[in-house]
């Protein structure tokens, strides 16, 4: 009985995201964390920083995250 030998082409694994995508994703997470840090504190609950500025910063962080996900990776092949 002969053994069947199948050849498998081993190709390098290509990730969905490139290096710049991960960098943008980390930047977006940092922006979101900064936005939430702006919300903490024991000052006035209706302060401009807590009501206006921090939600804008958090939404900007989510926007950067969406950009990081949708950006085409720069593959160097």
PDB file of N, CA and C in Angstrom:
ATOM      1  N   UNK A   1       0.847  -1.159   0.000  1.00  0.00           N
ATOM      2  CA  UNK A   1       0.000   0.000   0.000  1.00  0.00           C
ATOM      3  C   UNK A   1       0.902   1.235   0.000  1.00  0.00           C
ATOM      4  N   UNK A   2       0.692   2.087  -0.941  1.00  0.00           N
ATOM      5  CA  UNK A   2       1.517   3.289  -1.067  1.00  0.00           C
ATOM      6  C   UNK A   2       0.904   4.441  -0.282  1.00  0.00           C
ATOM      7  N   UNK A   3       1.776   5.213   0.290  1.00  0.00           N
ATOM      8  CA  UNK A   3       1.313   6.393   1.029  1.00  0.00           C
ATOM      9  C   UNK A   3       1.160   7.569   0.078  1.00  0.00           C
ATOM     10  N   UNK A   4       0.102   8.313   0.288  1.00  0.00           N
ATOM     11  CA  UNK A   4      -0.115   9.499  -0.539  1.00  0.00           C
ATOM     12  C   UNK A   4       0.598  10.686   0.090  1.00  0.00           C
ATOM     13  N   UNK A   5       1.416  11.318  -0.685  1.00  0.00           N
ATOM     14  CA  UNK A   5       2.091  12.530  -0.224  1.00  0.00           C
ATOM     15  C   UNK A   5       1.477  13.704  -0.966  1.00  0.00           C
ATOM     16  N   UNK A   6       0.871  14.569  -0.213  1.00  0.00           N
ATOM     17  CA  UNK A   6       0.297  15.762  -0.840  1.00  0.00           C
ATOM     18  C   UNK A   6       1.199  16.943  -0.544  1.00  0.00           C
ATOM     19  N   UNK A   7       1.385  17.732  -1.567  1.00  0.00           N
ATOM     20  CA  UNK A   7       2.192  18.929  -1.395  1.00  0.00           C
ATOM     21  C   UNK A   7       1.297  20.061  -0.927  1.00  0.00           C
ATOM     22  N   UNK A   8       1.736  20.711   0.088  1.00  0.00           N
ATOM     23  CA  UNK A   8       0.987  21.873   0.559  1.00  0.00           C
ATOM     24  C   UNK A   8       1.852  23.101   0.358  1.00  0.00           C
ATOM     25  N   UNK A   9       1.256  24.070  -0.224  1.00  0.00           N
ATOM     26  CA  UNK A   9       1.960  25.337  -0.411  1.00  0.00           C
ATOM     27  C   UNK A   9       1.840  26.141   0.872  1.00  0.00           C
ATOM     28  N   UNK A  10       2.951  26.408   1.465  1.00  0.00           N
ATOM     29  CA  UNK A  10       2.923  27.203   2.688  1.00  0.00           C
ATOM     30  C   UNK A  10       3.155  28.660   2.316  1.00  0.00           C
ATOM     31  N   UNK A  11       2.128  29.439   2.533  1.00  0.00           N
ATOM     32  CA  UNK A  11       2.209  30.868   2.256  1.00  0.00           C
ATOM     33  C   UNK A  11       2.317  31.599   3.585  1.00  0.00           C
ATOM     34  N   UNK A  12       3.020  32.695   3.589  1.00  0.00           N
ATOM     35  CA  UNK A  12       3.094  33.455   4.836  1.00  0.00           C
ATOM     36  C   UNK A  12       1.712  33.986   5.215  1.00  0.00           C
ATOM     37  N   UNK A  13       1.438  33.951   6.489  1.00  0.00           N
ATOM     38  CA  UNK A  13       0.138  34.393   6.982  1.00  0.00           C
ATOM     39  C   UNK A  13       0.048  35.903   6.853  1.00  0.00           C
ATOM     40  N   UNK A  14      -1.046  36.359   6.243  1.00  0.00           N
ATOM     41  CA  UNK A  14      -1.263  37.795   6.130  1.00  0.00           C
ATOM     42  C   UNK A  14      -2.353  38.188   7.102  1.00  0.00           C
ATOM     43  N   UNK A  15      -2.030  39.133   7.948  1.00  0.00           N
ATOM     44  CA  UNK A  15      -2.992  39.601   8.922  1.00  0.00           C
ATOM     45  C   UNK A  15      -3.988  40.542   8.262  1.00  0.00           C
ATOM     46  N   UNK A  16      -5.139  40.669   8.885  1.00  0.00           N
ATOM     47  CA  UNK A  16      -6.170  41.553   8.353  1.00  0.00           C
ATOM     48  C   UNK A  16      -5.728  43.003   8.472  1.00  0.00           C
ATOM     49  N   UNK A  17      -5.106  43.342   9.589  1.00  0.00           N
ATOM     50  CA  UNK A  17      -4.652  44.705   9.824  1.00  0.00           C
ATOM     51  C   UNK A  17      -3.149  44.793   9.614  1.00  0.00           C
ATOM     52  N   UNK A  18      -2.724  45.955   9.188  1.00  0.00           N
ATOM     53  CA  UNK A  18      -1.298  46.219   9.072  1.00  0.00           C
ATOM     54  C   UNK A  18      -0.782  46.885  10.335  1.00  0.00           C
ATOM     55  N   UNK A  19       0.494  47.215  10.318  1.00  0.00           N
ATOM     56  CA  UNK A  19       1.115  47.827  11.490  1.00  0.00           C
ATOM     57  C   UNK A  19       0.493  49.187  11.793  1.00  0.00           C
ATOM     58  N   UNK A  20       0.215  49.958  10.758  1.00  0.00           N
ATOM     59  CA  UNK A  20      -0.364  51.288  10.981  1.00  0.00           C
ATOM     60  C   UNK A  20      -1.788  51.190  11.518  1.00  0.00           C
ATOM     61  N   UNK A  21      -2.524  50.148  11.120  1.00  0.00           N
ATOM     62  CA  UNK A  21      -3.874  49.967  11.654  1.00  0.00           C
ATOM     63  C   UNK A  21      -3.846  49.737  13.165  1.00  0.00           C
ATOM     64  N   UNK A  22      -2.924  48.899  13.610  1.00  0.00           N
ATOM     65  CA  UNK A  22      -2.807  48.645  15.046  1.00  0.00           C
ATOM     66  C   UNK A  22      -2.364  49.904  15.790  1.00  0.00           C
ATOM     67  N   UNK A  23      -1.499  50.668  15.172  1.00  0.00           N
ATOM     68  CA  UNK A  23      -1.052  51.917  15.798  1.00  0.00           C
ATOM     69  C   UNK A  23      -2.237  52.873  15.966  1.00  0.00           C
ATOM     70  N   UNK A  24      -3.051  53.018  14.917  1.00  0.00           N
ATOM     71  CA  UNK A  24      -4.230  53.893  15.006  1.00  0.00           C
ATOM     72  C   UNK A  24      -5.226  53.364  16.027  1.00  0.00           C
ATOM     73  N   UNK A  25      -5.336  52.055  16.133  1.00  0.00           N
ATOM     74  CA  UNK A  25      -6.252  51.466  17.109  1.00  0.00           C
ATOM     75  C   UNK A  25      -5.788  51.754  18.536  1.00  0.00           C
ATOM     76  N   UNK A  26      -4.506  51.667  18.793  1.00  0.00           N
ATOM     77  CA  UNK A  26      -3.984  51.998  20.119  1.00  0.00           C
ATOM     78  C   UNK A  26      -4.156  53.482  20.433  1.00  0.00           C
ATOM     79  N   UNK A  27      -3.963  54.330  19.425  1.00  0.00           N
ATOM     80  CA  UNK A  27      -4.178  55.767  19.618  1.00  0.00           C
ATOM     81  C   UNK A  27      -5.632  56.042  19.959  1.00  0.00           C
ATOM     82  N   UNK A  28      -6.546  55.361  19.271  1.00  0.00           N
ATOM     83  CA  UNK A  28      -7.973  55.580  19.543  1.00  0.00           C
ATOM     84  C   UNK A  28      -8.345  55.126  20.947  1.00  0.00           C
ATOM     85  N   UNK A  29      -7.776  54.010  21.397  1.00  0.00           N
ATOM     86  CA  UNK A  29      -8.062  53.562  22.764  1.00  0.00           C
ATOM     87  C   UNK A  29      -7.528  54.558  23.789  1.00  0.00           C
ATOM     88  N   UNK A  30      -6.370  55.131  23.514  1.00  0.00           N
ATOM     89  CA  UNK A  30      -5.812  56.130  24.426  1.00  0.00           C
ATOM     90  C   UNK A  30      -6.696  57.373  24.473  1.00  0.00           C
ATOM     91  N   UNK A  31      -7.233  57.789  23.329  1.00  0.00           N
ATOM     92  CA  UNK A  31      -8.116  58.959  23.294  1.00  0.00           C
ATOM     93  C   UNK A  31      -9.387  58.687  24.081  1.00  0.00           C
ATOM     94  N   UNK A  32      -9.949  57.491  23.944  1.00  0.00           N
ATOM     95  CA  UNK A  32     -11.161  57.140  24.695  1.00  0.00           C
ATOM     96  C   UNK A  32     -10.873  57.138  26.193  1.00  0.00           C
ATOM     97  N   UNK A  33      -9.741  56.590  26.596  1.00  0.00           N
ATOM     98  CA  UNK A  33      -9.385  56.568  28.020  1.00  0.00           C
ATOM     99  C   UNK A  33      -9.207  57.991  28.544  1.00  0.00           C
ATOM    100  N   UNK A  34      -8.574  58.857  27.762  1.00  0.00           N
ATOM    101  CA  UNK A  34      -8.422  60.259  28.169  1.00  0.00           C
ATOM    102  C   UNK A  34      -9.785  60.920  28.315  1.00  0.00           C
ATOM    103  N   UNK A  35     -10.707  60.618  27.399  1.00  0.00           N
ATOM    104  CA  UNK A  35     -12.054  61.169  27.496  1.00  0.00           C
ATOM    105  C   UNK A  35     -12.766  60.733  28.759  1.00  0.00           C
ATOM    106  N   UNK A  36     -12.625  59.470  29.127  1.00  0.00           N
ATOM    107  CA  UNK A  36     -13.259  58.996  30.361  1.00  0.00           C
ATOM    108  C   UNK A  36     -12.564  59.567  31.593  1.00  0.00           C
ATOM    109  N   UNK A  37     -11.259  59.781  31.501  1.00  0.00           N
ATOM    110  CA  UNK A  37     -10.562  60.390  32.628  1.00  0.00           C
ATOM    111  C   UNK A  37     -10.995  61.839  32.829  1.00  0.00           C
ATOM    112  N   UNK A  38     -11.383  62.506  31.747  1.00  0.00           N
ATOM    113  CA  UNK A  38     -11.894  63.869  31.882  1.00  0.00           C
ATOM    114  C   UNK A  38     -13.232  63.898  32.614  1.00  0.00           C
ATOM    115  N   UNK A  39     -13.957  62.790  32.600  1.00  0.00           N
ATOM    116  CA  UNK A  39     -15.268  62.736  33.255  1.00  0.00           C
ATOM    117  C   UNK A  39     -15.164  62.560  34.765  1.00  0.00           C
ATOM    118  N   UNK A  40     -14.057  62.023  35.254  1.00  0.00           N
ATOM    119  CA  UNK A  40     -13.978  61.749  36.690  1.00  0.00           C
ATOM    120  C   UNK A  40     -13.607  63.006  37.456  1.00  0.00           C
ATOM    121  N   UNK A  41     -13.871  62.981  38.715  1.00  0.00           N
ATOM    122  CA  UNK A  41     -13.540  64.102  39.585  1.00  0.00           C
ATOM    123  C   UNK A  41     -14.716  64.425  40.485  1.00  0.00           C
ATOM    124  N   UNK A  42     -14.454  65.195  41.507  1.00  0.00           N
ATOM    125  CA  UNK A  42     -15.519  65.527  42.447  1.00  0.00           C
ATOM    126  C   UNK A  42     -15.944  66.989  42.347  1.00  0.00           C
ATOM    127  N   UNK A  43     -15.619  67.628  41.245  1.00  0.00           N
ATOM    128  CA  UNK A  43     -16.055  69.013  41.052  1.00  0.00           C
ATOM    129  C   UNK A  43     -17.518  69.033  40.641  1.00  0.00           C
ATOM    130  N   UNK A  44     -17.975  70.161  40.209  1.00  0.00           N
ATOM    131  CA  UNK A  44     -19.370  70.338  39.812  1.00  0.00           C
ATOM    132  C   UNK A  44     -19.769  69.304  38.761  1.00  0.00           C
ATOM    133  N   UNK A  45     -20.937  68.685  38.970  1.00  0.00           N
ATOM    134  CA  UNK A  45     -21.376  67.627  38.059  1.00  0.00           C
ATOM    135  C   UNK A  45     -21.759  68.185  36.684  1.00  0.00           C
ATOM    136  N   UNK A  46     -22.165  69.437  36.640  1.00  0.00           N
ATOM    137  CA  UNK A  46     -22.561  70.055  35.375  1.00  0.00           C
ATOM    138  C   UNK A  46     -21.458  70.946  34.830  1.00  0.00           C
ATOM    139  N   UNK A  47     -20.238  70.566  35.050  1.00  0.00           N
ATOM    140  CA  UNK A  47     -19.086  71.315  34.575  1.00  0.00           C
ATOM    141  C   UNK A  47     -18.953  71.142  33.060  1.00  0.00           C
ATOM    142  N   UNK A  48     -18.402  72.162  32.390  1.00  0.00           N
ATOM    143  CA  UNK A  48     -18.203  72.111  30.942  1.00  0.00           C
ATOM    144  C   UNK A  48     -17.349  70.910  30.553  1.00  0.00           C
ATOM    145  N   UNK A  49     -16.338  70.615  31.356  1.00  0.00           N
ATOM    146  CA  UNK A  49     -15.426  69.507  31.056  1.00  0.00           C
ATOM    147  C   UNK A  49     -16.153  68.173  31.050  1.00  0.00           C
ATOM    148  N   UNK A  50     -17.090  67.992  31.986  1.00  0.00           N
ATOM    149  CA  UNK A  50     -17.784  66.705  32.107  1.00  0.00           C
ATOM    150  C   UNK A  50     -18.945  66.562  31.134  1.00  0.00           C
ATOM    151  N   UNK A  51     -19.621  67.658  30.841  1.00  0.00           N
ATOM    152  CA  UNK A  51     -20.835  67.583  30.026  1.00  0.00           C
ATOM    153  C   UNK A  51     -20.541  67.733  28.536  1.00  0.00           C
ATOM    154  N   UNK A  52     -19.566  68.551  28.170  1.00  0.00           N
ATOM    155  CA  UNK A  52     -19.338  68.859  26.758  1.00  0.00           C
ATOM    156  C   UNK A  52     -18.016  68.282  26.251  1.00  0.00           C
ATOM    157  N   UNK A  53     -16.949  68.604  26.935  1.00  0.00           N
ATOM    158  CA  UNK A  53     -15.618  68.274  26.423  1.00  0.00           C
ATOM    159  C   UNK A  53     -15.339  66.774  26.410  1.00  0.00           C
ATOM    160  N   UNK A  54     -15.602  66.100  27.515  1.00  0.00           N
ATOM    161  CA  UNK A  54     -15.262  64.674  27.579  1.00  0.00           C
ATOM    162  C   UNK A  54     -16.084  63.813  26.621  1.00  0.00           C
ATOM    163  N   UNK A  55     -17.399  64.051  26.434  1.00  0.00           N
ATOM    164  CA  UNK A  55     -18.099  63.247  25.418  1.00  0.00           C
ATOM    165  C   UNK A  55     -17.574  63.482  24.002  1.00  0.00           C
ATOM    166  N   UNK A  56     -17.151  64.713  23.716  1.00  0.00           N
ATOM    167  CA  UNK A  56     -16.586  64.986  22.391  1.00  0.00           C
ATOM    168  C   UNK A  56     -15.273  64.226  22.214  1.00  0.00           C
ATOM    169  N   UNK A  57     -14.457  64.189  23.253  1.00  0.00           N
ATOM    170  CA  UNK A  57     -13.176  63.472  23.175  1.00  0.00           C
ATOM    171  C   UNK A  57     -13.412  61.972  23.026  1.00  0.00           C
ATOM    172  N   UNK A  58     -14.387  61.425  23.759  1.00  0.00           N
ATOM    173  CA  UNK A  58     -14.687  59.992  23.656  1.00  0.00           C
ATOM    174  C   UNK A  58     -15.202  59.658  22.256  1.00  0.00           C
ATOM    175  N   UNK A  59     -16.103  60.474  21.726  1.00  0.00           N
ATOM    176  CA  UNK A  59     -16.614  60.225  20.375  1.00  0.00           C
ATOM    177  C   UNK A  59     -15.513  60.371  19.330  1.00  0.00           C
ATOM    178  N   UNK A  60     -14.600  61.301  19.540  1.00  0.00           N
ATOM    179  CA  UNK A  60     -13.463  61.428  18.624  1.00  0.00           C
ATOM    180  C   UNK A  60     -12.592  60.171  18.681  1.00  0.00           C
ATOM    181  N   UNK A  61     -12.430  59.610  19.866  1.00  0.00           N
ATOM    182  CA  UNK A  61     -11.668  58.364  19.994  1.00  0.00           C
ATOM    183  C   UNK A  61     -12.334  57.215  19.260  1.00  0.00           C
ATOM    184  N   UNK A  62     -13.663  57.135  19.362  1.00  0.00           N
ATOM    185  CA  UNK A  62     -14.378  56.096  18.618  1.00  0.00           C
ATOM    186  C   UNK A  62     -14.267  56.330  17.114  1.00  0.00           C
ATOM    187  N   UNK A  63     -14.287  57.591  16.699  1.00  0.00           N
ATOM    188  CA  UNK A  63     -14.112  57.907  15.281  1.00  0.00           C
ATOM    189  C   UNK A  63     -12.753  57.475  14.768  1.00  0.00           C
ATOM    190  N   UNK A  64     -11.725  57.718  15.548  1.00  0.00           N
ATOM    191  CA  UNK A  64     -10.378  57.280  15.165  1.00  0.00           C
ATOM    192  C   UNK A  64     -10.319  55.755  15.119  1.00  0.00           C
ATOM    193  N   UNK A  65     -11.047  55.094  16.014  1.00  0.00           N
ATOM    194  CA  UNK A  65     -11.099  53.631  16.001  1.00  0.00           C
ATOM    195  C   UNK A  65     -11.764  53.094  14.745  1.00  0.00           C
ATOM    196  N   UNK A  66     -12.855  53.740  14.321  1.00  0.00           N
ATOM    197  CA  UNK A  66     -13.502  53.327  13.073  1.00  0.00           C
ATOM    198  C   UNK A  66     -12.569  53.556  11.889  1.00  0.00           C
ATOM    199  N   UNK A  67     -11.828  54.657  11.918  1.00  0.00           N
ATOM    200  CA  UNK A  67     -10.856  54.908  10.859  1.00  0.00           C
ATOM    201  C   UNK A  67      -9.796  53.808  10.842  1.00  0.00           C
ATOM    202  N   UNK A  68      -9.348  53.396  12.023  1.00  0.00           N
ATOM    203  CA  UNK A  68      -8.320  52.355  12.110  1.00  0.00           C
ATOM    204  C   UNK A  68      -8.826  51.035  11.551  1.00  0.00           C
ATOM    205  N   UNK A  69     -10.098  50.754  11.753  1.00  0.00           N
ATOM    206  CA  UNK A  69     -10.663  49.498  11.253  1.00  0.00           C
ATOM    207  C   UNK A  69     -10.863  49.552   9.743  1.00  0.00           C
ATOM    208  N   UNK A  70     -11.337  50.681   9.233  1.00  0.00           N
ATOM    209  CA  UNK A  70     -11.674  50.776   7.815  1.00  0.00           C
ATOM    210  C   UNK A  70     -10.489  51.123   6.924  1.00  0.00           C
ATOM    211  N   UNK A  71      -9.384  51.571   7.493  1.00  0.00           N
ATOM    212  CA  UNK A  71      -8.215  51.942   6.705  1.00  0.00           C
ATOM    213  C   UNK A  71      -7.624  50.699   6.051  1.00  0.00           C
ATOM    214  N   UNK A  72      -7.302  50.826   4.783  1.00  0.00           N
ATOM    215  CA  UNK A  72      -6.699  49.695   4.077  1.00  0.00           C
ATOM    216  C   UNK A  72      -5.271  49.499   4.577  1.00  0.00           C
ATOM    217  N   UNK A  73      -4.920  48.256   4.900  1.00  0.00           N
ATOM    218  CA  UNK A  73      -3.551  48.019   5.385  1.00  0.00           C
ATOM    219  C   UNK A  73      -2.547  48.180   4.258  1.00  0.00           C
ATOM    220  N   UNK A  74      -1.387  48.694   4.587  1.00  0.00           N
ATOM    221  CA  UNK A  74      -0.349  48.863   3.580  1.00  0.00           C
ATOM    222  C   UNK A  74       0.530  47.621   3.580  1.00  0.00           C
ATOM    223  N   UNK A  75       0.188  46.702   2.659  1.00  0.00           N
ATOM    224  CA  UNK A  75       0.938  45.447   2.539  1.00  0.00           C
ATOM    225  C   UNK A  75       2.133  45.680   1.634  1.00  0.00           C
ATOM    226  N   UNK A  76       3.272  45.275   2.111  1.00  0.00           N
ATOM    227  CA  UNK A  76       4.490  45.373   1.311  1.00  0.00           C
ATOM    228  C   UNK A  76       4.872  43.965   0.878  1.00  0.00           C
ATOM    229  N   UNK A  77       4.472  43.614  -0.336  1.00  0.00           N
ATOM    230  CA  UNK A  77       4.741  42.256  -0.811  1.00  0.00           C
ATOM    231  C   UNK A  77       5.716  42.254  -1.953  1.00  0.00           C
TER     232      UNK A  77
END
